[in-house]
Amino acid sequence: MINNIFRRKKVSVPKLSAYGFLENDGKYSYHTVLPGSGFSMVVEITPEGLVKATVIDMETNEPYTLHLTDSATGSFVTGVKMEYEQVLTDIAEKCFEPDIFKST
């Protein structure tokens, strides 16, 4: 899913700061709360444009992964998946630029 959202895009580091990303040890991280589930979402981006996103259940402080499973169904997991994709799509649109020469 992440690969599809950021396919043929290159990161714009100045836009990351403007969006709210914080730089730490050469990586940029952004924290938000998914309003429908109350889960926390952390997005990390390297200066090379590698993106990692983690959804965390704030009650247990454990990663939530059902939204990454195609076979998982139900209104809750579907809602988490939609919010997860919305955050990533917004970041892709506002912090990345088209890279017509990128093949992946």
Protein backbone atom coordinates (compact mmCIF):
# COMPACT_ATOMS: atom_id res chain seq x y z
CA MET A 1 0.00 0.00 0.00
CA ILE A 2 2.73 2.50 0.95
CA ASN A 3 4.64 1.67 -2.21
CA ASN A 4 1.62 2.51 -4.36
CA ILE A 5 0.95 5.84 -2.64
CA PHE A 6 4.56 7.03 -2.99
CA ARG A 7 5.28 5.44 -6.38
CA ARG A 8 7.13 7.75 -8.76
CA LYS A 9 7.50 10.50 -6.18
CA LYS A 10 10.52 12.11 -4.56
CA VAL A 11 10.58 13.68 -1.14
CA SER A 12 10.89 17.44 -0.67
CA VAL A 13 12.68 17.80 2.67
CA PRO A 14 11.73 21.49 3.15
CA LYS A 15 8.06 20.55 2.76
CA LEU A 16 8.39 17.90 5.50
CA SER A 17 9.22 20.56 8.10
CA ALA A 18 6.38 22.77 6.92
CA TYR A 19 3.97 19.83 7.24
CA GLY A 20 5.00 19.17 10.84
CA PHE A 21 7.70 16.52 10.53
CA LEU A 22 10.52 16.69 13.07
CA GLU A 23 14.09 15.76 12.16
CA ASN A 24 15.91 13.31 14.41
CA ASP A 25 19.13 11.45 13.52
CA GLY A 26 18.66 12.16 9.82
CA LYS A 27 15.09 10.83 9.71
CA TYR A 28 11.90 12.84 9.71
CA SER A 29 8.97 11.75 11.86
CA TYR A 30 5.37 12.86 12.10
CA HIS A 31 2.86 11.84 14.76
CA THR A 32 -0.90 12.09 14.50
CA VAL A 33 -3.99 10.51 16.01
CA LEU A 34 -6.49 8.73 13.76
CA PRO A 35 -9.77 10.25 14.98
CA GLY A 36 -12.06 7.33 14.17
CA SER A 37 -10.07 4.76 16.13
CA GLY A 38 -8.10 6.87 18.56
CA PHE A 39 -4.96 5.04 17.43
CA SER A 40 -1.66 6.87 17.07
CA MET A 41 0.11 6.93 13.72
CA VAL A 42 3.82 7.55 13.27
CA VAL A 43 5.25 8.23 9.82
CA GLU A 44 9.02 8.16 9.32
CA ILE A 45 10.71 9.35 6.14
CA THR A 46 14.40 9.24 5.25
CA PRO A 47 16.00 12.01 3.17
CA GLU A 48 16.07 9.44 0.33
CA GLY A 49 12.28 9.19 0.48
CA LEU A 50 11.83 5.79 2.16
CA VAL A 51 8.55 5.83 4.06
CA LYS A 52 7.61 3.75 7.10
CA ALA A 53 4.25 4.12 8.82
CA THR A 54 3.13 2.49 12.05
CA VAL A 55 -0.29 2.51 13.69
CA ILE A 56 -0.19 2.06 17.46
CA ASP A 57 -3.01 1.11 19.81
CA MET A 58 -2.58 3.76 22.50
CA GLU A 59 -4.24 1.61 25.18
CA THR A 60 -1.74 -1.23 24.83
CA ASN A 61 1.11 0.73 23.19
CA GLU A 62 1.39 -2.13 20.68
CA PRO A 63 1.46 -1.86 16.87
CA TYR A 64 -1.88 -2.45 15.15
CA THR A 65 -1.49 -4.33 11.86
CA LEU A 66 -4.92 -5.60 10.77
CA HIS A 67 -5.29 -2.64 8.42
CA LEU A 68 -2.38 -4.05 6.40
CA THR A 69 -4.09 -7.42 5.86
CA ASP A 70 -6.21 -7.61 2.70
CA SER A 71 -8.41 -10.34 4.15
CA ALA A 72 -9.29 -8.35 7.30
CA THR A 73 -12.85 -7.03 7.13
CA GLY A 74 -15.26 -5.18 9.33
CA SER A 75 -16.17 -1.57 9.83
CA PHE A 76 -13.47 -0.86 12.43
CA VAL A 77 -10.52 -2.23 10.46
CA THR A 78 -11.88 -0.65 7.26
CA GLY A 79 -12.09 2.71 9.04
CA VAL A 80 -8.51 2.43 10.30
CA LYS A 81 -7.34 1.47 6.81
CA MET A 82 -9.12 4.47 5.26
CA GLU A 83 -7.67 6.93 7.80
CA TYR A 84 -4.20 5.41 7.38
CA GLU A 85 -4.41 5.82 3.60
CA GLN A 86 -5.76 9.39 3.92
CA VAL A 87 -2.82 10.47 6.09
CA LEU A 88 -0.29 8.89 3.71
CA THR A 89 -1.99 10.30 0.62
CA ASP A 90 -2.02 13.80 2.15
CA ILE A 91 1.70 13.52 2.95
CA ALA A 92 2.43 12.26 -0.59
CA GLU A 93 0.54 15.21 -2.09
CA LYS A 94 2.00 17.90 0.18
CA CYS A 95 5.55 16.70 0.88
CA PHE A 96 6.55 14.86 -2.30
CA GLU A 97 6.97 15.87 -5.93
CA PRO A 98 6.48 13.83 -9.08
CA ASP A 99 9.57 11.93 -10.17
CA ILE A 100 8.98 10.93 -13.76
CA PHE A 101 12.32 9.13 -13.95
CA LYS A 102 11.69 6.88 -10.95
CA SER A 103 10.76 3.35 -12.01
CA THR A 104 9.30 2.11 -8.70
